[in-house]
């Protein structure tokens, strides 16, 4: 059993966490949970929030892998918390049906115990499932996110360190290419050198899933880069790599000025925003074929002066 599953099993069973977390553990979660310090507050301000809404909650990852980065062991994972949506979750009204709460996470270990836990929970997708999302419908496909087509996401086989290094190199070169946007044409970024023609980009609710370079540019990249023309990746919390899988992200991971409209249909606020992002990629041969993306969109909206939870209540509670 992975250390993360041990963590949730201990939380669920109200057991002592000293064998799985450090005394000064910090949990960094999507807005409005944000950063929580210490085991006691993690139990009450994070886990109890989820457990109250989903009494039979169960963590179901479909990708999880680990590696060392700057003398620390890191784990990257994505999947769903699944349970019966019985009570409100952060004021999102319950459906009393099965709920799939998508998560994307990076976990830093110290001497085998969890020290820093970064997790993006897709609360907009919860609003979609409850029928109360106040934002524009996703341009891409909304709905359940698929596991890797290779079905090897849980601690994938690594034949050599060269395999993981080649995966990392491909991702880093691709990210460099994304930085070559000339501010005018999406073709200034030569994606075909790095992405399979039919690659899948599994974006968060609000953006959705896209397929291929054309779909990616239409449903995500175009609206995003023209809205944030100076966006830059300026912090990497870690790089996790195992076999054909790579993950990176940060808290924040990017900054960009919201200078024009188009992204999520929201008017430009003119402010420089910080973006909490976690990415997981899968390589097949010389190309990237799948990308799972977590973005704390509600936190971005908050920086724009928009509280999505208040908007949800104003829109749906008045009906």
C-alpha atoms as a PDB file:
ATOM      1  CA  UNK A   1       0.000   0.000   0.000  1.00  0.00           C
ATOM      2  CA  UNK A   2       1.376   3.413  -0.958  1.00  0.00           C
ATOM      3  CA  UNK A   3       2.117   6.007   1.704  1.00  0.00           C
ATOM      4  CA  UNK A   4      -0.731   8.153   0.348  1.00  0.00           C
ATOM      5  CA  UNK A   5      -3.246   5.329   0.726  1.00  0.00           C
ATOM      6  CA  UNK A   6      -1.908   4.710   4.241  1.00  0.00           C
ATOM      7  CA  UNK A   7      -2.504   8.406   4.968  1.00  0.00           C
ATOM      8  CA  UNK A   8      -6.144   8.240   3.898  1.00  0.00           C
ATOM      9  CA  UNK A   9      -6.753   4.910   5.581  1.00  0.00           C
ATOM     10  CA  UNK A  10      -5.486   6.367   8.860  1.00  0.00           C
ATOM     11  CA  UNK A  11      -7.641   9.488   8.416  1.00  0.00           C
ATOM     12  CA  UNK A  12     -10.708   7.442   7.580  1.00  0.00           C
ATOM     13  CA  UNK A  13     -10.238   5.143  10.561  1.00  0.00           C
ATOM     14  CA  UNK A  14      -9.336   8.009  12.913  1.00  0.00           C
ATOM     15  CA  UNK A  15      -5.965   6.416  13.589  1.00  0.00           C
ATOM     16  CA  UNK A  16      -2.712   8.009  14.674  1.00  0.00           C
ATOM     17  CA  UNK A  17      -0.897   9.608  11.717  1.00  0.00           C
ATOM     18  CA  UNK A  18       2.586   9.768  13.240  1.00  0.00           C
ATOM     19  CA  UNK A  19       3.815   6.824  11.152  1.00  0.00           C
ATOM     20  CA  UNK A  20       2.844   8.440   7.845  1.00  0.00           C
ATOM     21  CA  UNK A  21       3.239  12.241   8.225  1.00  0.00           C
ATOM     22  CA  UNK A  22       5.812  14.570   9.749  1.00  0.00           C
ATOM     23  CA  UNK A  23       4.715  16.636  12.787  1.00  0.00           C
ATOM     24  CA  UNK A  24       4.946  19.840  10.706  1.00  0.00           C
ATOM     25  CA  UNK A  25       3.089  18.464   7.682  1.00  0.00           C
ATOM     26  CA  UNK A  26       1.516  21.056   5.388  1.00  0.00           C
ATOM     27  CA  UNK A  27      -1.368  20.415   3.017  1.00  0.00           C
ATOM     28  CA  UNK A  28      -1.855  22.821   0.116  1.00  0.00           C
ATOM     29  CA  UNK A  29      -5.287  22.364  -1.453  1.00  0.00           C
ATOM     30  CA  UNK A  30      -7.493  24.168  -3.964  1.00  0.00           C
ATOM     31  CA  UNK A  31      -9.270  27.359  -2.975  1.00  0.00           C
ATOM     32  CA  UNK A  32     -11.081  27.822  -0.647  1.00  0.00           C
ATOM     33  CA  UNK A  33      -9.264  25.213   1.467  1.00  0.00           C
ATOM     34  CA  UNK A  34      -5.764  26.590   0.680  1.00  0.00           C
ATOM     35  CA  UNK A  35      -2.773  25.832   2.950  1.00  0.00           C
ATOM     36  CA  UNK A  36      -3.271  23.964   6.214  1.00  0.00           C
ATOM     37  CA  UNK A  37      -0.459  23.380   8.700  1.00  0.00           C
ATOM     38  CA  UNK A  38      -0.326  20.584  11.234  1.00  0.00           C
ATOM     39  CA  UNK A  39      -2.058  17.239  11.565  1.00  0.00           C
ATOM     40  CA  UNK A  40      -4.961  18.444  13.708  1.00  0.00           C
ATOM     41  CA  UNK A  41      -6.048  21.097  11.205  1.00  0.00           C
ATOM     42  CA  UNK A  42      -5.535  18.732   8.267  1.00  0.00           C
ATOM     43  CA  UNK A  43      -8.021  16.388   9.898  1.00  0.00           C
ATOM     44  CA  UNK A  44     -10.647  19.036  10.599  1.00  0.00           C
ATOM     45  CA  UNK A  45     -10.240  21.584   7.790  1.00  0.00           C
ATOM     46  CA  UNK A  46      -9.551  19.130   4.968  1.00  0.00           C
ATOM     47  CA  UNK A  47     -10.518  15.556   5.604  1.00  0.00           C
ATOM     48  CA  UNK A  48     -13.638  16.239   7.660  1.00  0.00           C
ATOM     49  CA  UNK A  49     -14.889  18.566   4.916  1.00  0.00           C
ATOM     50  CA  UNK A  50     -14.648  15.751   2.346  1.00  0.00           C
ATOM     51  CA  UNK A  51     -15.776  12.995   4.703  1.00  0.00           C
ATOM     52  CA  UNK A  52     -18.895  14.885   5.817  1.00  0.00           C
ATOM     53  CA  UNK A  53     -19.982  15.417   2.212  1.00  0.00           C
ATOM     54  CA  UNK A  54     -19.026  11.894   1.108  1.00  0.00           C
ATOM     55  CA  UNK A  55     -19.385   9.554   4.120  1.00  0.00           C
ATOM     56  CA  UNK A  56     -18.289   6.506   2.084  1.00  0.00           C
ATOM     57  CA  UNK A  57     -15.416   8.322   0.378  1.00  0.00           C
ATOM     58  CA  UNK A  58     -12.731   6.217  -1.313  1.00  0.00           C
ATOM     59  CA  UNK A  59      -9.561   7.315  -3.112  1.00  0.00           C
ATOM     60  CA  UNK A  60      -9.194   5.721  -6.560  1.00  0.00           C
ATOM     61  CA  UNK A  61      -5.981   6.776  -8.319  1.00  0.00           C
ATOM     62  CA  UNK A  62      -5.328   5.616 -11.863  1.00  0.00           C
ATOM     63  CA  UNK A  63      -1.863   7.182 -12.076  1.00  0.00           C
ATOM     64  CA  UNK A  64       0.678   7.174  -9.275  1.00  0.00           C
ATOM     65  CA  UNK A  65       4.479   7.126  -9.544  1.00  0.00           C
ATOM     66  CA  UNK A  66       7.504   8.465  -7.731  1.00  0.00           C
ATOM     67  CA  UNK A  67      11.118   9.552  -8.047  1.00  0.00           C
ATOM     68  CA  UNK A  68      13.750  11.625  -6.288  1.00  0.00           C
ATOM     69  CA  UNK A  69      14.106  15.356  -6.873  1.00  0.00           C
ATOM     70  CA  UNK A  70      16.669  17.554  -5.105  1.00  0.00           C
ATOM     71  CA  UNK A  71      17.276  14.953  -2.388  1.00  0.00           C
ATOM     72  CA  UNK A  72      13.575  14.470  -1.613  1.00  0.00           C
ATOM     73  CA  UNK A  73      11.279  11.644  -2.667  1.00  0.00           C
ATOM     74  CA  UNK A  74       8.193  12.851  -4.537  1.00  0.00           C
ATOM     75  CA  UNK A  75       4.980  11.153  -5.638  1.00  0.00           C
ATOM     76  CA  UNK A  76       2.716  12.327  -8.466  1.00  0.00           C
ATOM     77  CA  UNK A  77      -0.829  11.006  -8.780  1.00  0.00           C
ATOM     78  CA  UNK A  78      -4.228  11.639 -10.286  1.00  0.00           C
ATOM     79  CA  UNK A  79      -7.625   9.970 -10.185  1.00  0.00           C
ATOM     80  CA  UNK A  80     -10.867  10.391  -8.271  1.00  0.00           C
ATOM     81  CA  UNK A  81     -12.298  10.392  -4.803  1.00  0.00           C
ATOM     82  CA  UNK A  82     -15.552   8.489  -5.147  1.00  0.00           C
ATOM     83  CA  UNK A  83     -18.485   8.465  -2.755  1.00  0.00           C
ATOM     84  CA  UNK A  84     -22.151   9.207  -2.242  1.00  0.00           C
ATOM     85  CA  UNK A  85     -22.685  12.979  -2.281  1.00  0.00           C
ATOM     86  CA  UNK A  86     -24.860  13.081   0.847  1.00  0.00           C
ATOM     87  CA  UNK A  87     -24.252  16.519   2.353  1.00  0.00           C
ATOM     88  CA  UNK A  88     -23.044  19.898   0.995  1.00  0.00           C
ATOM     89  CA  UNK A  89     -19.413  20.173  -0.042  1.00  0.00           C
ATOM     90  CA  UNK A  90     -18.220  23.724   0.577  1.00  0.00           C
ATOM     91  CA  UNK A  91     -21.835  24.881  -0.006  1.00  0.00           C
ATOM     92  CA  UNK A  92     -22.176  22.860  -3.238  1.00  0.00           C
ATOM     93  CA  UNK A  93     -25.579  21.163  -2.845  1.00  0.00           C
ATOM     94  CA  UNK A  94     -25.565  17.359  -2.594  1.00  0.00           C
ATOM     95  CA  UNK A  95     -27.013  15.190  -5.343  1.00  0.00           C
ATOM     96  CA  UNK A  96     -27.361  12.090  -3.140  1.00  0.00           C
ATOM     97  CA  UNK A  97     -25.840  10.203  -6.056  1.00  0.00           C
ATOM     98  CA  UNK A  98     -22.333   8.915  -6.665  1.00  0.00           C
ATOM     99  CA  UNK A  99     -19.842  11.770  -6.969  1.00  0.00           C
ATOM    100  CA  UNK A 100     -16.490  11.684  -8.763  1.00  0.00           C
ATOM    101  CA  UNK A 101     -14.200  14.303  -7.208  1.00  0.00           C
ATOM    102  CA  UNK A 102     -11.163  14.607  -9.466  1.00  0.00           C
ATOM    103  CA  UNK A 103      -7.761  15.145  -7.844  1.00  0.00           C
ATOM    104  CA  UNK A 104      -4.255  15.834  -9.133  1.00  0.00           C
ATOM    105  CA  UNK A 105      -1.471  15.813  -6.566  1.00  0.00           C
ATOM    106  CA  UNK A 106       2.224  16.101  -5.788  1.00  0.00           C
ATOM    107  CA  UNK A 107       3.471  14.763  -2.464  1.00  0.00           C
ATOM    108  CA  UNK A 108       6.890  15.406  -0.929  1.00  0.00           C
ATOM    109  CA  UNK A 109       8.282  12.875   1.551  1.00  0.00           C
ATOM    110  CA  UNK A 110      10.845  13.422   4.282  1.00  0.00           C
ATOM    111  CA  UNK A 111      12.433  10.287   5.699  1.00  0.00           C
ATOM    112  CA  UNK A 112       9.581   8.239   4.305  1.00  0.00           C
ATOM    113  CA  UNK A 113       6.785  10.422   5.717  1.00  0.00           C
ATOM    114  CA  UNK A 114       4.527  12.995   4.064  1.00  0.00           C
ATOM    115  CA  UNK A 115       5.841  16.516   4.633  1.00  0.00           C
ATOM    116  CA  UNK A 116       4.197  18.643   1.913  1.00  0.00           C
ATOM    117  CA  UNK A 117       1.033  17.576   0.118  1.00  0.00           C
ATOM    118  CA  UNK A 118      -0.164  19.599  -2.896  1.00  0.00           C
ATOM    119  CA  UNK A 119      -3.601  18.659  -4.215  1.00  0.00           C
ATOM    120  CA  UNK A 120      -5.868  20.274  -6.787  1.00  0.00           C
ATOM    121  CA  UNK A 121      -9.485  19.237  -6.272  1.00  0.00           C
ATOM    122  CA  UNK A 122     -11.784  20.004  -9.194  1.00  0.00           C
ATOM    123  CA  UNK A 123     -14.646  21.719  -7.383  1.00  0.00           C
ATOM    124  CA  UNK A 124     -15.982  23.140 -10.659  1.00  0.00           C
ATOM    125  CA  UNK A 125     -16.508  19.573 -11.844  1.00  0.00           C
ATOM    126  CA  UNK A 126     -18.437  18.914  -8.620  1.00  0.00           C
ATOM    127  CA  UNK A 127     -20.614  21.918  -9.466  1.00  0.00           C
ATOM    128  CA  UNK A 128     -21.134  20.461 -12.944  1.00  0.00           C
ATOM    129  CA  UNK A 129     -22.272  17.153 -11.469  1.00  0.00           C
ATOM    130  CA  UNK A 130     -24.640  19.018  -9.138  1.00  0.00           C
ATOM    131  CA  UNK A 131     -25.928  21.226 -11.984  1.00  0.00           C
ATOM    132  CA  UNK A 132     -24.924  24.494 -10.289  1.00  0.00           C
ATOM    133  CA  UNK A 133     -21.795  25.683 -12.135  1.00  0.00           C
ATOM    134  CA  UNK A 134     -22.151  29.474 -12.664  1.00  0.00           C
ATOM    135  CA  UNK A 135     -19.327  29.679 -15.229  1.00  0.00           C
ATOM    136  CA  UNK A 136     -19.500  29.208 -18.964  1.00  0.00           C
ATOM    137  CA  UNK A 137     -19.730  25.632 -20.189  1.00  0.00           C
ATOM    138  CA  UNK A 138     -16.368  24.086 -21.068  1.00  0.00           C
ATOM    139  CA  UNK A 139     -15.254  24.434 -24.677  1.00  0.00           C
ATOM    140  CA  UNK A 140     -13.807  20.931 -24.487  1.00  0.00           C
ATOM    141  CA  UNK A 141     -15.558  17.742 -23.399  1.00  0.00           C
ATOM    142  CA  UNK A 142     -16.934  17.706 -19.840  1.00  0.00           C
ATOM    143  CA  UNK A 143     -17.109  14.462 -17.921  1.00  0.00           C
ATOM    144  CA  UNK A 144     -15.099  11.610 -16.499  1.00  0.00           C
ATOM    145  CA  UNK A 145     -11.370  11.580 -17.251  1.00  0.00           C
ATOM    146  CA  UNK A 146      -9.855   8.403 -18.649  1.00  0.00           C
ATOM    147  CA  UNK A 147      -6.854   6.512 -17.253  1.00  0.00           C
ATOM    148  CA  UNK A 148      -3.786   6.011 -19.459  1.00  0.00           C
ATOM    149  CA  UNK A 149      -4.531   4.180 -22.705  1.00  0.00           C
ATOM    150  CA  UNK A 150      -1.577   1.954 -21.826  1.00  0.00           C
ATOM    151  CA  UNK A 151      -3.308   1.039 -18.515  1.00  0.00           C
ATOM    152  CA  UNK A 152       0.033   1.164 -16.673  1.00  0.00           C
ATOM    153  CA  UNK A 153      -0.313   4.312 -14.604  1.00  0.00           C
ATOM    154  CA  UNK A 154       0.057   2.800 -11.136  1.00  0.00           C
ATOM    155  CA  UNK A 155       3.801   2.663 -10.499  1.00  0.00           C
ATOM    156  CA  UNK A 156       4.676   2.050 -14.164  1.00  0.00           C
ATOM    157  CA  UNK A 157       7.537  -0.202 -15.204  1.00  0.00           C
ATOM    158  CA  UNK A 158      10.841   1.580 -15.662  1.00  0.00           C
ATOM    159  CA  UNK A 159      13.299  -0.420 -17.723  1.00  0.00           C
ATOM    160  CA  UNK A 160      16.180   1.977 -17.075  1.00  0.00           C
ATOM    161  CA  UNK A 161      16.940   5.435 -15.738  1.00  0.00           C
ATOM    162  CA  UNK A 162      17.524   6.451 -19.363  1.00  0.00           C
ATOM    163  CA  UNK A 163      13.835   5.810 -20.084  1.00  0.00           C
ATOM    164  CA  UNK A 164      12.720   8.280 -17.403  1.00  0.00           C
ATOM    165  CA  UNK A 165      15.382  10.788 -18.429  1.00  0.00           C
ATOM    166  CA  UNK A 166      14.211  10.645 -22.054  1.00  0.00           C
ATOM    167  CA  UNK A 167      10.645  11.273 -20.900  1.00  0.00           C
ATOM    168  CA  UNK A 168      11.760  14.280 -18.861  1.00  0.00           C
ATOM    169  CA  UNK A 169      13.833  15.680 -21.736  1.00  0.00           C
ATOM    170  CA  UNK A 170      10.871  15.482 -24.124  1.00  0.00           C
ATOM    171  CA  UNK A 171       8.600  17.301 -21.667  1.00  0.00           C
ATOM    172  CA  UNK A 172      11.153  20.026 -20.917  1.00  0.00           C
ATOM    173  CA  UNK A 173      11.791  20.644 -24.626  1.00  0.00           C
ATOM    174  CA  UNK A 174       8.038  20.806 -25.234  1.00  0.00           C
ATOM    175  CA  UNK A 175       7.629  23.379 -22.442  1.00  0.00           C
ATOM    176  CA  UNK A 176      10.446  25.440 -23.964  1.00  0.00           C
ATOM    177  CA  UNK A 177       8.573  25.363 -27.274  1.00  0.00           C
ATOM    178  CA  UNK A 178       5.416  26.674 -25.575  1.00  0.00           C
ATOM    179  CA  UNK A 179       7.513  29.632 -24.409  1.00  0.00           C
ATOM    180  CA  UNK A 180       8.194  30.610 -28.035  1.00  0.00           C
ATOM    181  CA  UNK A 181       4.731  32.062 -28.614  1.00  0.00           C
ATOM    182  CA  UNK A 182       5.193  35.261 -30.647  1.00  0.00           C
ATOM    183  CA  UNK A 183       1.970  36.829 -29.402  1.00  0.00           C
ATOM    184  CA  UNK A 184       0.363  36.605 -32.835  1.00  0.00           C
ATOM    185  CA  UNK A 185       0.130  33.063 -34.180  1.00  0.00           C
ATOM    186  CA  UNK A 186      -0.376  29.735 -32.419  1.00  0.00           C
ATOM    187  CA  UNK A 187       1.698  28.184 -35.219  1.00  0.00           C
ATOM    188  CA  UNK A 188       4.736  29.972 -33.758  1.00  0.00           C
ATOM    189  CA  UNK A 189       4.763  27.037 -31.308  1.00  0.00           C
ATOM    190  CA  UNK A 190       5.623  23.881 -33.278  1.00  0.00           C
ATOM    191  CA  UNK A 191       3.585  21.360 -31.302  1.00  0.00           C
ATOM    192  CA  UNK A 192       3.889  18.642 -33.950  1.00  0.00           C
ATOM    193  CA  UNK A 193       7.498  18.030 -32.904  1.00  0.00           C
ATOM    194  CA  UNK A 194       6.354  16.901 -29.471  1.00  0.00           C
ATOM    195  CA  UNK A 195       2.711  15.775 -29.567  1.00  0.00           C
ATOM    196  CA  UNK A 196       1.111  12.789 -31.265  1.00  0.00           C
ATOM    197  CA  UNK A 197      -1.458  13.930 -33.869  1.00  0.00           C
ATOM    198  CA  UNK A 198      -4.274  12.408 -31.794  1.00  0.00           C
ATOM    199  CA  UNK A 199      -2.976  13.294 -28.339  1.00  0.00           C
ATOM    200  CA  UNK A 200      -5.440  13.638 -25.458  1.00  0.00           C
ATOM    201  CA  UNK A 201      -5.343  16.683 -23.183  1.00  0.00           C
ATOM    202  CA  UNK A 202      -7.443  16.045 -20.070  1.00  0.00           C
ATOM    203  CA  UNK A 203      -8.139  19.544 -18.785  1.00  0.00           C
ATOM    204  CA  UNK A 204     -10.028  20.644 -15.679  1.00  0.00           C
ATOM    205  CA  UNK A 205     -13.738  21.432 -15.686  1.00  0.00           C
ATOM    206  CA  UNK A 206     -14.209  24.888 -17.161  1.00  0.00           C
ATOM    207  CA  UNK A 207     -11.854  23.950 -20.008  1.00  0.00           C
ATOM    208  CA  UNK A 208     -12.525  20.266 -20.635  1.00  0.00           C
ATOM    209  CA  UNK A 209     -10.833  17.481 -22.574  1.00  0.00           C
ATOM    210  CA  UNK A 210      -9.400  18.154 -26.033  1.00  0.00           C
ATOM    211  CA  UNK A 211      -8.054  15.866 -28.771  1.00  0.00           C
ATOM    212  CA  UNK A 212      -5.241  16.556 -31.203  1.00  0.00           C
ATOM    213  CA  UNK A 213      -3.416  19.788 -31.940  1.00  0.00           C
ATOM    214  CA  UNK A 214      -6.445  21.399 -33.597  1.00  0.00           C
ATOM    215  CA  UNK A 215      -8.743  20.652 -30.661  1.00  0.00           C
ATOM    216  CA  UNK A 216      -6.100  21.694 -28.136  1.00  0.00           C
ATOM    217  CA  UNK A 217      -5.530  25.032 -29.840  1.00  0.00           C
ATOM    218  CA  UNK A 218      -9.237  25.709 -30.313  1.00  0.00           C
ATOM    219  CA  UNK A 219     -10.538  24.721 -26.886  1.00  0.00           C
ATOM    220  CA  UNK A 220      -7.639  25.627 -24.600  1.00  0.00           C
ATOM    221  CA  UNK A 221      -4.369  26.994 -25.922  1.00  0.00           C
ATOM    222  CA  UNK A 222      -5.800  29.769 -28.088  1.00  0.00           C
ATOM    223  CA  UNK A 223      -8.162  31.263 -25.484  1.00  0.00           C
ATOM    224  CA  UNK A 224      -5.489  30.913 -22.808  1.00  0.00           C
ATOM    225  CA  UNK A 225      -2.358  32.354 -24.456  1.00  0.00           C
ATOM    226  CA  UNK A 226      -4.198  35.310 -25.999  1.00  0.00           C
ATOM    227  CA  UNK A 227      -5.778  36.099 -22.627  1.00  0.00           C
ATOM    228  CA  UNK A 228      -2.434  35.705 -20.786  1.00  0.00           C
ATOM    229  CA  UNK A 229       0.142  36.738 -23.439  1.00  0.00           C
ATOM    230  CA  UNK A 230       3.006  37.141 -20.944  1.00  0.00           C
ATOM    231  CA  UNK A 231       2.369  33.884 -19.060  1.00  0.00           C
ATOM    232  CA  UNK A 232       5.507  32.233 -17.771  1.00  0.00           C
ATOM    233  CA  UNK A 233       6.395  29.113 -15.804  1.00  0.00           C
ATOM    234  CA  UNK A 234       8.479  30.588 -13.013  1.00  0.00           C
ATOM    235  CA  UNK A 235       8.505  27.869 -10.387  1.00  0.00           C
ATOM    236  CA  UNK A 236       8.760  24.101 -10.380  1.00  0.00           C
ATOM    237  CA  UNK A 237       8.059  22.494  -7.030  1.00  0.00           C
ATOM    238  CA  UNK A 238       9.422  19.251  -8.442  1.00  0.00           C
ATOM    239  CA  UNK A 239       9.933  17.033 -11.449  1.00  0.00           C
ATOM    240  CA  UNK A 240       8.711  13.469 -10.952  1.00  0.00           C
ATOM    241  CA  UNK A 241       9.589  10.856 -13.574  1.00  0.00           C
ATOM    242  CA  UNK A 242       9.157   7.117 -13.868  1.00  0.00           C
ATOM    243  CA  UNK A 243       9.204   5.137 -17.089  1.00  0.00           C
ATOM    244  CA  UNK A 244       7.148   6.997 -19.698  1.00  0.00           C
ATOM    245  CA  UNK A 245       5.466   9.298 -17.153  1.00  0.00           C
ATOM    246  CA  UNK A 246       6.533  12.769 -16.029  1.00  0.00           C
ATOM    247  CA  UNK A 247       4.917  15.284 -13.689  1.00  0.00           C
ATOM    248  CA  UNK A 248       5.721  18.823 -12.669  1.00  0.00           C
ATOM    249  CA  UNK A 249       3.903  21.689 -11.014  1.00  0.00           C
ATOM    250  CA  UNK A 250       4.045  24.361  -8.383  1.00  0.00           C
ATOM    251  CA  UNK A 251       2.159  26.447  -5.839  1.00  0.00           C
ATOM    252  CA  UNK A 252       2.105  28.699  -7.804  1.00  0.00           C
ATOM    253  CA  UNK A 253       3.600  27.271 -10.985  1.00  0.00           C
ATOM    254  CA  UNK A 254       2.933  30.124 -13.415  1.00  0.00           C
ATOM    255  CA  UNK A 255       2.181  33.831 -13.520  1.00  0.00           C
ATOM    256  CA  UNK A 256       0.413  35.757 -16.263  1.00  0.00           C
ATOM    257  CA  UNK A 257      -1.380  39.053 -16.830  1.00  0.00           C
ATOM    258  CA  UNK A 258      -5.068  38.706 -17.733  1.00  0.00           C
ATOM    259  CA  UNK A 259      -5.059  41.300 -20.508  1.00  0.00           C
ATOM    260  CA  UNK A 260      -7.785  40.226 -22.920  1.00  0.00           C
ATOM    261  CA  UNK A 261     -11.051  38.298 -22.976  1.00  0.00           C
ATOM    262  CA  UNK A 262     -11.716  34.803 -24.207  1.00  0.00           C
ATOM    263  CA  UNK A 263     -10.561  32.582 -21.370  1.00  0.00           C
ATOM    264  CA  UNK A 264     -13.644  31.033 -19.733  1.00  0.00           C
ATOM    265  CA  UNK A 265     -15.614  33.849 -21.319  1.00  0.00           C
ATOM    266  CA  UNK A 266     -14.478  36.181 -18.510  1.00  0.00           C
ATOM    267  CA  UNK A 267     -13.629  39.860 -19.101  1.00  0.00           C
ATOM    268  CA  UNK A 268      -9.965  40.826 -18.620  1.00  0.00           C
ATOM    269  CA  UNK A 269      -9.121  42.101 -15.156  1.00  0.00           C
ATOM    270  CA  UNK A 270      -5.699  43.526 -16.071  1.00  0.00           C
ATOM    271  CA  UNK A 271      -4.062  41.886 -13.049  1.00  0.00           C
ATOM    272  CA  UNK A 272      -1.078  39.566 -12.914  1.00  0.00           C
ATOM    273  CA  UNK A 273      -2.397  36.257 -11.605  1.00  0.00           C
ATOM    274  CA  UNK A 274      -0.669  33.292 -10.030  1.00  0.00           C
ATOM    275  CA  UNK A 275      -1.624  29.856 -11.328  1.00  0.00           C
ATOM    276  CA  UNK A 276      -1.528  26.688  -9.273  1.00  0.00           C
ATOM    277  CA  UNK A 277      -0.958  23.928 -11.810  1.00  0.00           C
ATOM    278  CA  UNK A 278      -0.023  20.237 -11.757  1.00  0.00           C
ATOM    279  CA  UNK A 279       0.656  18.358 -15.001  1.00  0.00           C
ATOM    280  CA  UNK A 280       1.177  14.657 -15.701  1.00  0.00           C
ATOM    281  CA  UNK A 281       2.321  13.525 -19.162  1.00  0.00           C
ATOM    282  CA  UNK A 282       2.708  10.112 -20.811  1.00  0.00           C
ATOM    283  CA  UNK A 283       5.209   9.501 -23.585  1.00  0.00           C
ATOM    284  CA  UNK A 284       4.962   6.866 -26.305  1.00  0.00           C
ATOM    285  CA  UNK A 285       8.162   6.603 -28.324  1.00  0.00           C
ATOM    286  CA  UNK A 286       9.320  10.059 -29.376  1.00  0.00           C
ATOM    287  CA  UNK A 287       6.004  11.844 -28.777  1.00  0.00           C
ATOM    288  CA  UNK A 288       3.694  12.805 -25.923  1.00  0.00           C
ATOM    289  CA  UNK A 289       0.307  11.112 -26.180  1.00  0.00           C
ATOM    290  CA  UNK A 290      -1.616  12.057 -23.021  1.00  0.00           C
ATOM    291  CA  UNK A 291      -1.621  14.951 -20.550  1.00  0.00           C
ATOM    292  CA  UNK A 292      -3.638  15.159 -17.314  1.00  0.00           C
ATOM    293  CA  UNK A 293      -3.893  18.753 -16.067  1.00  0.00           C
ATOM    294  CA  UNK A 294      -5.003  20.157 -12.734  1.00  0.00           C
ATOM    295  CA  UNK A 295      -5.520  23.940 -12.474  1.00  0.00           C
ATOM    296  CA  UNK A 296      -6.984  25.772  -9.486  1.00  0.00           C
ATOM    297  CA  UNK A 297      -9.357  27.825 -11.649  1.00  0.00           C
ATOM    298  CA  UNK A 298     -11.483  29.006  -8.714  1.00  0.00           C
ATOM    299  CA  UNK A 299      -8.339  30.502  -7.141  1.00  0.00           C
ATOM    300  CA  UNK A 300      -7.604  32.339 -10.416  1.00  0.00           C
ATOM    301  CA  UNK A 301     -11.167  33.691 -10.469  1.00  0.00           C
ATOM    302  CA  UNK A 302     -10.775  34.880  -6.878  1.00  0.00           C
ATOM    303  CA  UNK A 303      -7.748  36.948  -7.920  1.00  0.00           C
ATOM    304  CA  UNK A 304      -9.899  38.470 -10.680  1.00  0.00           C
ATOM    305  CA  UNK A 305     -12.400  39.590  -8.040  1.00  0.00           C
ATOM    306  CA  UNK A 306     -14.845  36.752  -8.748  1.00  0.00           C
ATOM    307  CA  UNK A 307     -15.879  34.323  -6.005  1.00  0.00           C
ATOM    308  CA  UNK A 308     -17.243  31.298  -7.849  1.00  0.00           C
ATOM    309  CA  UNK A 309     -18.920  29.908  -4.723  1.00  0.00           C
ATOM    310  CA  UNK A 310     -20.761  33.197  -4.134  1.00  0.00           C
ATOM    311  CA  UNK A 311     -21.698  33.339  -7.819  1.00  0.00           C
ATOM    312  CA  UNK A 312     -23.052  29.779  -7.526  1.00  0.00           C
ATOM    313  CA  UNK A 313     -25.212  30.674  -4.532  1.00  0.00           C
ATOM    314  CA  UNK A 314     -26.450  33.934  -6.094  1.00  0.00           C
ATOM    315  CA  UNK A 315     -27.346  32.131  -9.330  1.00  0.00           C
ATOM    316  CA  UNK A 316     -28.970  28.980  -8.029  1.00  0.00           C
ATOM    317  CA  UNK A 317     -30.229  29.787  -4.551  1.00  0.00           C
ATOM    318  CA  UNK A 318     -32.340  32.626  -5.933  1.00  0.00           C
ATOM    319  CA  UNK A 319     -34.198  30.326  -8.328  1.00  0.00           C
END
